[in-house]
Amino acid sequence: MNCNKVISADLLPDARGIRLGVERTEKILKELSNPDEKLKIIHIAGTNGKGSTAEYFTCILVAAGKKTGTFLSPQIYSFYDQIKIDGKSVSSELYEKYKVNAEATEFEKLTATALALFAGEGCEWAVIECGMGGKTDATNAISKKELAVINSVSLEHTDYLGASVREICAQKAGIIKNCPVIINAHQTKEAREYFAQYRFADKLEQIFEGGFVYGGKTFALKAEGCLQPCNAACAIEGARLLGIDESAIELGVAQCLPRGRLEKFFIGGREYILDGAHNPEAFVPLKKYLLSRDCFRTVIFGCLKDKDIDGCLHNVIANEVIAVECPSERTRSLEDVAALCRRYFGKNRVDTAESVSSALDKASGEVVAVCGSFTILEEAKRWIEKRL
């Protein structure tokens, strides 16, 4: 399959690189002989938990012996982390083999590339995470699906998706196309009411350190964070609906460790946490964990312009905050981030750094959490890896 060709599209992205709508991606996929039709697809939308749930599904399918492609966004530690086969990031060479060159947004091209790559490399299943919303997200150009999954829904991207939870739910629900549906149990009242007609992963009976009980069965869990059992249960419910063997479900959940979500590293008696939390709801697991750590806590915090920085900072638990800029055109300025941090924590508890690495160098906490945006995790991971 030769994907390295220019495919015309009717509309160009806006100044922020965002252009909602599926028409351009549908056109690209058609030019590529509809690779999505060669795959059994699980499509996942939601405000929070999409990536983790996608990784649980992936681990379960791989444990069942199914060759599985996974498309995630945004990137966490590497650009190629967004496209995986059997849970492993593709090589740059394999990516270049299928890379789509089109008159479209970067995300539209990336979506088409991922689907072409999965089909071309003989994947049976594909787990696809929405980029933004659902109904008009590029990934919704997929023509048919085995399963649609709606994760936790709350206010996000209100300029694009709507000003209320109900309006945003309508956007997420747009991925439902004549297929079974699973709804994550962790929902606001408004979202639960909106999706009331669908099947919820609501059988969580007990949560404990290292596992949880779902539907009367105990599951081991590597991932930490108070919402990970809900994300795992969503994948369990979906996998059962798809007829995946129970032993593969149990093994997949036990082996899964989503990256960049309350991910911990220990160096010289100090604990480092990398967490891509970037909206108020996503900060809840990190907040609960930091509250449980009775020690001096440093938070290294960066934020993009289109995120609810006040809502995020309201959920930050820290004795010391070091403000940084994100390596993104959408970043808030260092001065802006620092000023807002001082509003919440006071002048004496807030410092600034010109980079994430320099912030890690000066952090004095026994626990150091890097959070506020996925975009700052890559540099933090490189700093940590040099010291492990």
Protein backbone atom coordinates (compact mmCIF):
# COMPACT_ATOMS: atom_id res chain seq x y z
CA MET A 1 0.00 0.00 0.00
CA ASN A 2 1.57 3.29 -1.10
CA CYS A 3 0.37 6.09 1.17
CA ASN A 4 3.07 8.64 0.34
CA LYS A 5 1.00 10.71 -2.05
CA VAL A 6 -0.84 14.00 -1.89
CA ILE A 7 -4.59 13.61 -1.48
CA SER A 8 -6.61 16.75 -2.03
CA ALA A 9 -9.06 17.92 0.60
CA ASP A 10 -11.67 20.64 0.50
CA LEU A 11 -10.96 22.47 3.74
CA LEU A 12 -7.81 23.52 5.52
CA PRO A 13 -7.28 23.66 9.29
CA ASP A 14 -7.72 26.83 11.31
CA ALA A 15 -4.86 28.78 12.87
CA ARG A 16 -4.68 26.31 15.77
CA GLY A 17 -4.41 23.32 13.46
CA ILE A 18 -7.94 22.17 14.33
CA ARG A 19 -10.68 21.52 11.81
CA LEU A 20 -13.55 19.36 12.98
CA GLY A 21 -15.43 17.16 10.55
CA VAL A 22 -14.96 13.69 9.10
CA GLU A 23 -15.28 14.46 5.38
CA ARG A 24 -11.59 15.00 4.69
CA THR A 25 -10.54 11.87 6.55
CA GLU A 26 -13.26 9.84 4.82
CA LYS A 27 -11.88 11.05 1.49
CA ILE A 28 -8.34 10.10 2.45
CA LEU A 29 -9.43 6.64 3.62
CA LYS A 30 -11.32 6.08 0.40
CA GLU A 31 -8.16 6.94 -1.58
CA LEU A 32 -6.34 4.37 0.56
CA SER A 33 -8.94 1.66 -0.28
CA ASN A 34 -10.65 1.99 3.12
CA PRO A 35 -8.14 0.33 5.46
CA ASP A 36 -10.58 0.77 8.35
CA GLU A 37 -12.92 -1.79 6.77
CA LYS A 38 -10.21 -4.45 7.14
CA LEU A 39 -10.11 -4.01 10.92
CA LYS A 40 -12.30 -4.87 13.89
CA ILE A 41 -12.43 -1.51 15.63
CA ILE A 42 -13.05 -0.45 19.23
CA HIS A 43 -13.63 3.31 19.26
CA ILE A 44 -13.22 5.26 22.51
CA ALA A 45 -14.43 8.78 23.33
CA GLY A 46 -14.64 10.74 26.59
CA THR A 47 -13.03 13.59 28.49
CA ASN A 48 -10.77 11.53 30.76
CA GLY A 49 -9.59 7.95 30.87
CA LYS A 50 -9.64 7.30 27.11
CA GLY A 51 -5.96 6.48 26.86
CA SER A 52 -5.94 4.21 29.91
CA THR A 53 -9.05 2.37 28.75
CA ALA A 54 -7.51 1.95 25.30
CA GLU A 55 -4.42 0.40 26.89
CA TYR A 56 -6.54 -2.02 28.93
CA PHE A 57 -8.37 -3.11 25.78
CA THR A 58 -5.05 -3.52 23.99
CA CYS A 59 -3.51 -5.66 26.72
CA ILE A 60 -6.62 -7.85 26.85
CA LEU A 61 -6.67 -8.41 23.09
CA VAL A 62 -2.92 -9.14 22.97
CA ALA A 63 -3.33 -11.60 25.84
CA ALA A 64 -6.03 -13.29 23.77
CA GLY A 65 -3.57 -13.72 20.89
CA LYS A 66 -5.12 -11.04 18.68
CA LYS A 67 -2.79 -8.85 16.62
CA THR A 68 -3.85 -5.38 17.70
CA GLY A 69 -3.12 -1.85 16.59
CA THR A 70 -3.63 1.04 19.01
CA PHE A 71 -3.98 4.72 18.10
CA LEU A 72 -3.58 7.13 21.03
CA SER A 73 -3.35 10.90 21.33
CA PRO A 74 -1.69 13.07 22.35
CA GLN A 75 1.83 11.67 22.48
CA ILE A 76 3.29 11.06 25.92
CA TYR A 77 7.02 10.36 25.69
CA SER A 78 7.52 9.96 21.94
CA PHE A 79 5.68 10.81 18.74
CA TYR A 80 5.64 7.11 17.84
CA ASP A 81 3.88 6.20 21.11
CA GLN A 82 0.68 7.27 19.36
CA ILE A 83 0.72 4.30 16.99
CA LYS A 84 1.36 0.86 18.46
CA ILE A 85 1.14 -2.75 17.38
CA ASP A 86 0.59 -5.28 20.16
CA GLY A 87 1.32 -2.57 22.70
CA LYS A 88 4.71 -1.58 21.25
CA SER A 89 5.39 1.75 19.56
CA VAL A 90 6.03 1.48 15.84
CA SER A 91 9.47 2.33 14.46
CA SER A 92 10.10 5.52 12.55
CA GLU A 93 10.82 3.38 9.47
CA LEU A 94 7.44 1.64 9.66
CA TYR A 95 5.69 4.95 10.21
CA GLU A 96 7.38 6.49 7.17
CA LYS A 97 6.34 3.50 5.06
CA TYR A 98 2.66 4.32 5.62
CA LYS A 99 2.84 8.06 6.27
CA VAL A 100 0.01 9.93 4.55
CA ASN A 101 0.76 13.24 2.89
CA ALA A 102 -2.52 15.09 2.45
CA GLU A 103 -3.99 18.56 2.36
CA ALA A 104 -5.52 18.14 5.79
CA THR A 105 -4.77 18.70 9.48
CA GLU A 106 -1.89 16.87 11.12
CA PHE A 107 -4.35 14.84 13.20
CA GLU A 108 -6.36 13.82 10.15
CA LYS A 109 -3.20 12.65 8.42
CA LEU A 110 -2.04 10.84 11.53
CA THR A 111 -5.40 9.08 11.87
CA ALA A 112 -5.28 7.89 8.26
CA THR A 113 -1.67 6.79 8.64
CA ALA A 114 -2.47 4.72 11.72
CA LEU A 115 -5.38 2.93 10.05
CA ALA A 116 -3.36 2.28 6.88
CA LEU A 117 -0.47 0.94 8.94
CA PHE A 118 -2.65 -1.38 11.01
CA ALA A 119 -4.36 -2.81 7.95
CA GLY A 120 -1.12 -3.07 6.00
CA GLU A 121 0.64 -4.90 8.81
CA GLY A 122 -2.13 -7.45 9.21
CA CYS A 123 -3.72 -6.35 12.47
CA GLU A 124 -7.04 -8.01 13.23
CA TRP A 125 -8.17 -5.47 15.82
CA ALA A 126 -7.65 -1.73 16.23
CA VAL A 127 -8.28 0.28 19.39
CA ILE A 128 -8.84 3.90 18.39
CA GLU A 129 -8.92 6.86 20.79
CA CYS A 130 -10.77 10.01 19.74
CA GLY A 131 -8.75 13.18 19.54
CA MET A 132 -11.47 15.72 20.40
CA GLY A 133 -15.16 15.14 20.96
CA GLY A 134 -16.45 12.30 18.84
CA LYS A 135 -19.08 13.09 16.25
CA THR A 136 -16.87 15.42 14.23
CA ASP A 137 -13.51 13.97 15.25
CA ALA A 138 -11.33 12.68 12.41
CA THR A 139 -11.34 9.18 13.92
CA ASN A 140 -15.10 9.03 13.41
CA ALA A 141 -14.51 8.63 9.68
CA ILE A 142 -14.32 4.92 10.54
CA SER A 143 -17.18 3.27 8.69
CA LYS A 144 -18.00 0.41 11.04
CA LYS A 145 -17.13 -0.58 14.59
CA GLU A 146 -17.31 -3.61 16.81
CA LEU A 147 -17.75 -1.48 19.93
CA ALA A 148 -18.14 2.16 20.96
CA VAL A 149 -16.90 3.18 24.42
CA ILE A 150 -17.72 6.41 26.25
CA ASN A 151 -15.40 7.27 29.11
CA SER A 152 -15.85 9.90 31.81
CA VAL A 153 -17.42 13.07 30.37
CA SER A 154 -17.02 16.59 31.77
CA LEU A 155 -16.54 20.11 30.43
CA GLU A 156 -13.71 20.41 27.89
CA HIS A 157 -12.96 22.26 24.65
CA THR A 158 -16.14 24.27 25.12
CA ASP A 159 -15.29 26.51 22.13
CA TYR A 160 -15.67 23.46 19.91
CA LEU A 161 -17.88 20.94 21.71
CA GLY A 162 -20.50 22.96 23.58
CA ALA A 163 -20.94 24.89 26.81
CA SER A 164 -22.68 22.18 28.85
CA VAL A 165 -22.01 18.57 29.79
CA ARG A 166 -25.12 17.54 27.89
CA GLU A 167 -23.90 19.22 24.69
CA ILE A 168 -20.52 17.55 25.08
CA CYS A 169 -22.21 14.18 25.68
CA ALA A 170 -24.00 14.64 22.35
CA GLN A 171 -20.62 15.07 20.65
CA LYS A 172 -19.19 11.97 22.36
CA ALA A 173 -22.29 9.95 21.47
CA GLY A 174 -21.60 10.67 17.81
CA ILE A 175 -19.18 7.72 17.71
CA ILE A 176 -22.08 5.31 18.24
CA LYS A 177 -22.80 3.84 14.80
CA ASN A 178 -24.91 0.66 14.80
CA CYS A 179 -22.66 -1.06 17.34
CA PRO A 180 -22.75 -2.16 20.99
CA VAL A 181 -21.91 0.54 23.54
CA ILE A 182 -20.17 0.51 26.93
CA ILE A 183 -20.29 3.54 29.26
CA ASN A 184 -17.65 4.06 31.95
CA ALA A 185 -19.19 4.06 35.42
CA HIS A 186 -17.43 7.28 36.46
CA GLN A 187 -19.84 9.93 35.14
CA THR A 188 -21.43 13.16 36.25
CA LYS A 189 -25.16 13.07 36.95
CA GLU A 190 -25.87 14.84 33.64
CA ALA A 191 -23.77 12.39 31.65
CA ARG A 192 -25.30 9.39 33.39
CA GLU A 193 -28.77 10.64 32.55
CA TYR A 194 -27.81 11.31 28.93
CA PHE A 195 -26.41 7.79 28.41
CA ALA A 196 -29.03 6.03 30.55
CA GLN A 197 -30.20 3.81 27.67
CA TYR A 198 -26.76 2.21 27.26
CA ARG A 199 -24.81 -0.44 29.13
CA PHE A 200 -22.69 0.88 32.03
CA ALA A 201 -19.63 -0.82 33.49
CA ASP A 202 -21.29 -0.48 36.87
CA LYS A 203 -20.39 -3.76 38.59
CA LEU A 204 -17.51 -2.47 40.73
CA GLU A 205 -17.99 -3.95 44.18
CA GLN A 206 -14.69 -3.34 45.96
CA ILE A 207 -11.46 -1.44 45.35
CA PHE A 208 -8.31 -2.20 47.31
CA GLU A 209 -4.56 -1.69 46.93
CA GLY A 210 -3.38 -3.80 44.02
CA GLY A 211 -6.77 -4.75 42.67
CA PHE A 212 -10.55 -4.59 42.66
CA VAL A 213 -13.63 -6.79 42.52
CA TYR A 214 -15.86 -6.51 39.46
CA GLY A 215 -18.92 -8.62 38.87
CA GLY A 216 -17.95 -10.96 41.68
CA LYS A 217 -14.43 -11.61 40.34
CA THR A 218 -11.15 -10.27 41.73
CA PHE A 219 -8.76 -8.56 39.30
CA ALA A 220 -5.13 -7.66 39.97
CA LEU A 221 -4.18 -4.13 38.93
CA LYS A 222 -0.71 -2.62 38.47
CA ALA A 223 -1.93 0.88 37.68
CA GLU A 224 -2.41 3.35 40.51
CA GLY A 225 -4.98 6.11 40.71
CA CYS A 226 -8.48 6.08 42.14
CA LEU A 227 -10.15 5.98 38.72
CA GLN A 228 -8.12 3.18 37.13
CA PRO A 229 -10.45 0.43 38.39
CA CYS A 230 -13.31 2.19 36.55
CA ASN A 231 -11.27 2.37 33.35
CA ALA A 232 -10.23 -1.27 33.64
CA ALA A 233 -13.82 -2.34 34.39
CA CYS A 234 -14.96 -0.56 31.24
CA ALA A 235 -12.52 -2.66 29.20
CA ILE A 236 -13.55 -5.82 31.04
CA GLU A 237 -17.21 -5.22 30.28
CA GLY A 238 -16.44 -4.45 26.65
CA ALA A 239 -14.18 -7.47 26.20
CA ARG A 240 -16.84 -9.77 27.66
CA LEU A 241 -19.39 -8.32 25.28
CA LEU A 242 -17.03 -9.06 22.40
CA GLY A 243 -16.60 -12.67 23.53
CA ILE A 244 -12.96 -12.45 24.62
CA ASP A 245 -11.82 -15.35 26.79
CA GLU A 246 -12.04 -14.61 30.52
CA SER A 247 -8.48 -15.77 31.20
CA ALA A 248 -7.17 -13.27 28.62
CA ILE A 249 -9.23 -10.50 30.22
CA GLU A 250 -7.79 -11.27 33.64
CA LEU A 251 -4.21 -11.46 32.34
CA GLY A 252 -4.51 -8.33 30.21
CA VAL A 253 -5.80 -6.20 33.08
CA ALA A 254 -3.10 -7.53 35.42
CA GLN A 255 -0.32 -6.71 32.93
CA CYS A 256 -1.49 -3.24 31.91
CA LEU A 257 0.35 -0.19 33.20
CA PRO A 258 -0.76 2.98 31.38
CA ARG A 259 2.08 5.43 30.93
CA GLY A 260 1.97 9.04 31.99
CA ARG A 261 -0.87 8.49 34.45
CA LEU A 262 0.36 8.60 38.05
CA GLU A 263 3.50 6.87 36.79
CA LYS A 264 6.16 6.59 39.49
CA PHE A 265 9.94 6.45 39.50
CA PHE A 266 12.26 6.25 42.53
CA ILE A 267 15.73 7.83 42.48
CA GLY A 268 17.96 8.28 45.52
CA GLY A 269 15.12 7.94 48.02
CA ARG A 270 12.99 10.49 46.19
CA GLU A 271 9.72 9.70 44.43
CA TYR A 272 8.97 11.20 41.01
CA ILE A 273 5.49 11.14 39.50
CA LEU A 274 4.67 11.83 35.85
CA ASP A 275 1.00 12.56 35.30
CA GLY A 276 -0.58 14.06 32.19
CA ALA A 277 -3.51 15.52 34.14
CA HIS A 278 -4.61 18.63 32.24
CA ASN A 279 -8.18 19.33 33.35
CA PRO A 280 -9.78 19.51 36.81
CA GLU A 281 -11.34 16.03 36.69
CA ALA A 282 -8.07 14.45 35.53
CA PHE A 283 -6.31 15.93 38.59
CA VAL A 284 -8.52 14.06 41.07
CA PRO A 285 -6.41 10.84 41.22
CA LEU A 286 -3.17 12.81 41.58
CA LYS A 287 -4.73 15.04 44.24
CA LYS A 288 -5.86 12.04 46.28
CA TYR A 289 -2.45 10.43 46.02
CA LEU A 290 -0.55 13.55 47.04
CA LEU A 291 -2.89 14.04 49.98
CA SER A 292 -1.91 10.54 51.14
CA ARG A 293 1.82 11.41 51.13
CA ASP A 294 2.72 13.03 54.44
CA CYS A 295 5.92 14.72 53.31
CA PHE A 296 7.25 17.77 51.48
CA ARG A 297 5.69 17.75 47.99
CA THR A 298 6.94 19.65 44.94
CA VAL A 299 4.68 20.08 41.91
CA ILE A 300 6.19 21.11 38.57
CA PHE A 301 3.30 22.63 36.64
CA GLY A 302 2.76 23.80 33.06
CA CYS A 303 -0.49 24.51 31.25
CA LEU A 304 -1.80 25.19 27.75
CA LYS A 305 -3.82 28.30 26.90
CA ASP A 306 -7.07 26.44 26.23
CA LYS A 307 -7.14 24.56 29.54
CA ASP A 308 -8.95 25.45 32.77
CA ILE A 309 -5.88 26.47 34.74
CA ASP A 310 -7.89 27.70 37.74
CA GLY A 311 -9.77 24.42 37.97
CA CYS A 312 -6.51 22.48 37.71
CA LEU A 313 -4.68 24.55 40.33
CA HIS A 314 -7.62 24.17 42.69
CA ASN A 315 -6.81 20.43 42.71
CA VAL A 316 -3.03 20.77 43.13
CA ILE A 317 -1.59 19.66 46.48
CA ALA A 318 1.91 21.04 47.04
CA ASN A 319 4.31 22.58 49.52
CA GLU A 320 6.29 23.99 46.60
CA VAL A 321 5.23 24.77 43.02
CA ILE A 322 7.65 25.34 40.15
CA ALA A 323 6.01 26.90 37.09
CA VAL A 324 7.25 26.02 33.60
CA GLU A 325 6.24 26.69 30.01
CA CYS A 326 5.03 23.83 27.83
CA PRO A 327 6.95 23.05 24.62
CA SER A 328 3.91 23.91 22.50
CA GLU A 329 2.65 26.85 20.47
CA ARG A 330 -0.45 26.67 22.67
CA THR A 331 1.46 27.14 25.93
CA ARG A 332 0.59 29.73 28.53
CA SER A 333 3.51 32.04 29.17
CA LEU A 334 5.75 31.34 32.12
CA GLU A 335 4.75 34.67 33.65
CA ASP A 336 1.06 33.84 33.36
CA VAL A 337 1.42 30.37 34.87
CA ALA A 338 3.59 31.67 37.71
CA ALA A 339 1.18 34.53 38.51
CA LEU A 340 -1.78 32.17 38.73
CA CYS A 341 0.21 29.71 40.86
CA ARG A 342 1.08 32.53 43.29
CA ARG A 343 -2.61 33.37 43.56
CA TYR A 344 -3.25 29.87 44.93
CA PHE A 345 -0.04 29.14 46.83
CA GLY A 346 1.47 32.50 47.74
CA LYS A 347 4.66 34.15 46.53
CA ASN A 348 7.01 32.27 48.86
CA ARG A 349 5.89 28.82 47.72
CA VAL A 350 6.14 29.42 43.97
CA ASP A 351 9.28 29.38 41.85
CA THR A 352 9.87 29.37 38.08
CA ALA A 353 12.20 27.45 35.79
CA GLU A 354 13.19 27.90 32.16
CA SER A 355 12.76 24.20 31.45
CA VAL A 356 11.34 21.05 33.01
CA SER A 357 14.87 19.73 33.49
CA SER A 358 15.96 22.79 35.44
CA ALA A 359 12.77 22.57 37.50
CA LEU A 360 13.63 18.96 38.38
CA ASP A 361 17.17 20.03 39.28
CA LYS A 362 15.90 22.58 41.80
CA ALA A 363 12.93 20.62 43.20
CA SER A 364 13.32 20.04 46.94
CA GLY A 365 10.37 17.75 47.67
CA GLU A 366 10.54 14.15 48.83
CA VAL A 367 7.79 13.63 46.27
CA VAL A 368 8.04 15.51 42.96
CA ALA A 369 5.07 15.50 40.58
CA VAL A 370 5.26 16.77 37.00
CA CYS A 371 1.78 17.59 35.74
CA GLY A 372 -0.55 20.01 33.95
CA SER A 373 0.08 18.88 30.38
CA PHE A 374 1.24 15.77 28.53
CA THR A 375 3.61 18.05 26.62
CA ILE A 376 6.00 18.44 29.57
CA LEU A 377 6.33 14.73 30.35
CA GLU A 378 8.78 13.81 27.59
CA GLU A 379 11.54 16.08 28.92
CA ALA A 380 10.85 14.91 32.47
CA LYS A 381 11.13 11.27 31.41
CA ARG A 382 14.48 11.93 29.70
CA TRP A 383 15.78 13.62 32.88
CA ILE A 384 14.67 10.67 34.99
CA GLU A 385 16.07 8.01 32.65
CA LYS A 386 19.55 9.57 32.87
CA ARG A 387 19.48 9.02 36.62
CA LEU A 388 17.90 5.58 36.92
